[in-house]
């Protein structure tokens, strides 16, 4: 499984972005896909996850602002980010776990200016 993340960019605080994670093959059988983010000097942290059945989990610090979704026809997972804050600035990565193997996308940079 190859993952390609895109959609990052420079925005002002309060604006929105939608990140996309395109998979090289079908994602319908991938049990869980997630978005993580990482800032310099810090560990990568989970932001949101979605199961194959569409059950979602979003961490408290972004709950109400970020939404994760998946499109099994387009083989893509999305992270819709609203009301962005400077502290959301990070490299965002998508992740898939399939047959016990962890796959990561290459990351897309989100920069939120104040």
Protein backbone atom coordinates (compact mmCIF):
# COMPACT_ATOMS: atom_id res chain seq x y z
CA UNK A 1 0.00 0.00 0.00
CA UNK A 2 1.41 3.35 -1.01
CA UNK A 3 -0.06 6.50 0.46
CA UNK A 4 0.19 9.97 -1.02
CA UNK A 5 -0.77 12.88 1.20
CA UNK A 6 -1.60 16.28 -0.23
CA UNK A 7 -3.49 19.47 0.49
CA UNK A 8 -1.20 21.19 2.93
CA UNK A 9 -0.28 24.81 2.64
CA UNK A 10 -0.04 28.18 4.33
CA UNK A 11 -3.22 29.62 5.76
CA UNK A 12 -4.19 32.22 8.30
CA UNK A 13 -5.67 31.42 11.66
CA UNK A 14 -9.37 30.70 11.40
CA UNK A 15 -9.19 29.38 7.85
CA UNK A 16 -9.75 25.85 6.62
CA UNK A 17 -7.89 23.16 4.72
CA UNK A 18 -8.71 19.69 3.55
CA UNK A 19 -5.96 17.13 3.40
CA UNK A 20 -6.20 14.13 1.14
CA UNK A 21 -4.51 10.77 1.39
CA UNK A 22 -4.68 8.76 -1.81
CA UNK A 23 -3.92 5.06 -1.65
CA UNK A 24 -2.38 3.03 -4.44
CA UNK A 25 -5.00 0.32 -4.09
CA UNK A 26 -8.33 -0.41 -2.56
CA UNK A 27 -8.78 0.83 0.98
CA UNK A 28 -12.07 -0.95 1.57
CA UNK A 29 -10.33 -3.79 3.39
CA UNK A 30 -7.94 -1.64 5.39
CA UNK A 31 -9.28 -1.87 8.94
CA UNK A 32 -8.13 1.52 10.10
CA UNK A 33 -6.62 4.63 8.58
CA UNK A 34 -5.38 7.60 10.50
CA UNK A 35 -3.94 11.06 10.31
CA UNK A 36 -0.96 11.99 12.45
CA UNK A 37 0.99 15.18 12.80
CA UNK A 38 4.48 16.06 13.87
CA UNK A 39 6.30 19.23 14.79
CA UNK A 40 10.09 19.59 15.07
CA UNK A 41 11.48 17.98 18.18
CA UNK A 42 8.24 16.25 19.06
CA UNK A 43 6.89 12.78 18.55
CA UNK A 44 4.36 12.10 15.87
CA UNK A 45 0.89 12.22 17.40
CA UNK A 46 -2.41 10.86 16.22
CA UNK A 47 -5.04 13.37 15.19
CA UNK A 48 -7.89 11.25 13.91
CA UNK A 49 -8.71 7.71 12.85
CA UNK A 50 -11.42 6.01 10.87
CA UNK A 51 -12.30 2.35 10.61
CA UNK A 52 -13.39 0.45 7.52
CA UNK A 53 -16.96 0.76 8.73
CA UNK A 54 -16.65 4.50 9.09
CA UNK A 55 -16.33 4.77 12.84
CA UNK A 56 -14.26 7.83 13.61
CA UNK A 57 -12.18 9.03 16.50
CA UNK A 58 -10.77 12.52 16.80
CA UNK A 59 -8.47 13.64 19.58
CA UNK A 60 -9.82 16.17 22.02
CA UNK A 61 -7.50 19.00 21.03
CA UNK A 62 -9.00 19.16 17.54
CA UNK A 63 -12.46 17.80 18.25
CA UNK A 64 -15.14 20.01 16.79
CA UNK A 65 -12.69 21.49 14.29
CA UNK A 66 -11.28 18.48 12.44
CA UNK A 67 -13.22 15.75 10.67
CA UNK A 68 -11.89 12.55 9.15
CA UNK A 69 -13.67 10.76 6.33
CA UNK A 70 -12.94 8.08 3.80
CA UNK A 71 -14.08 7.32 0.28
CA UNK A 72 -13.69 3.64 -0.51
CA UNK A 73 -14.49 4.25 -4.18
CA UNK A 74 -11.81 6.89 -4.63
CA UNK A 75 -9.50 5.01 -2.25
CA UNK A 76 -8.85 8.12 -0.26
CA UNK A 77 -9.02 9.41 3.27
CA UNK A 78 -9.57 13.05 4.07
CA UNK A 79 -8.94 15.35 6.99
CA UNK A 80 -11.09 18.46 6.96
CA UNK A 81 -9.63 21.10 9.21
CA UNK A 82 -11.62 24.17 10.19
CA UNK A 83 -10.87 27.10 12.47
CA UNK A 84 -7.19 26.40 12.17
CA UNK A 85 -4.88 27.69 14.88
CA UNK A 86 -1.15 28.44 14.80
CA UNK A 87 -0.61 25.43 17.07
CA UNK A 88 -1.99 23.20 14.32
CA UNK A 89 1.13 23.93 12.32
CA UNK A 90 2.82 20.61 11.62
CA UNK A 91 3.61 18.03 9.00
CA UNK A 92 0.58 15.82 8.63
CA UNK A 93 0.92 12.16 7.75
CA UNK A 94 -1.60 9.53 6.82
CA UNK A 95 -1.19 6.01 8.08
CA UNK A 96 -2.72 2.67 7.26
CA UNK A 97 -2.47 -0.60 9.10
CA UNK A 98 -3.09 -3.66 6.95
CA UNK A 99 -2.27 -7.26 7.68
CA UNK A 100 -0.14 -6.17 10.59
CA UNK A 101 1.98 -3.85 8.50
CA UNK A 102 2.08 -0.10 9.05
CA UNK A 103 2.19 2.14 6.01
CA UNK A 104 2.92 5.88 6.08
CA UNK A 105 2.43 8.58 3.53
CA UNK A 106 5.16 11.10 2.90
CA UNK A 107 3.60 13.96 4.85
CA UNK A 108 2.18 17.32 3.89
CA UNK A 109 3.07 20.55 5.63
CA UNK A 110 0.38 22.72 7.16
CA UNK A 111 1.42 26.17 8.32
CA UNK A 112 -1.05 28.40 10.14
CA UNK A 113 -0.07 32.01 10.60
CA UNK A 114 -1.49 34.19 13.35
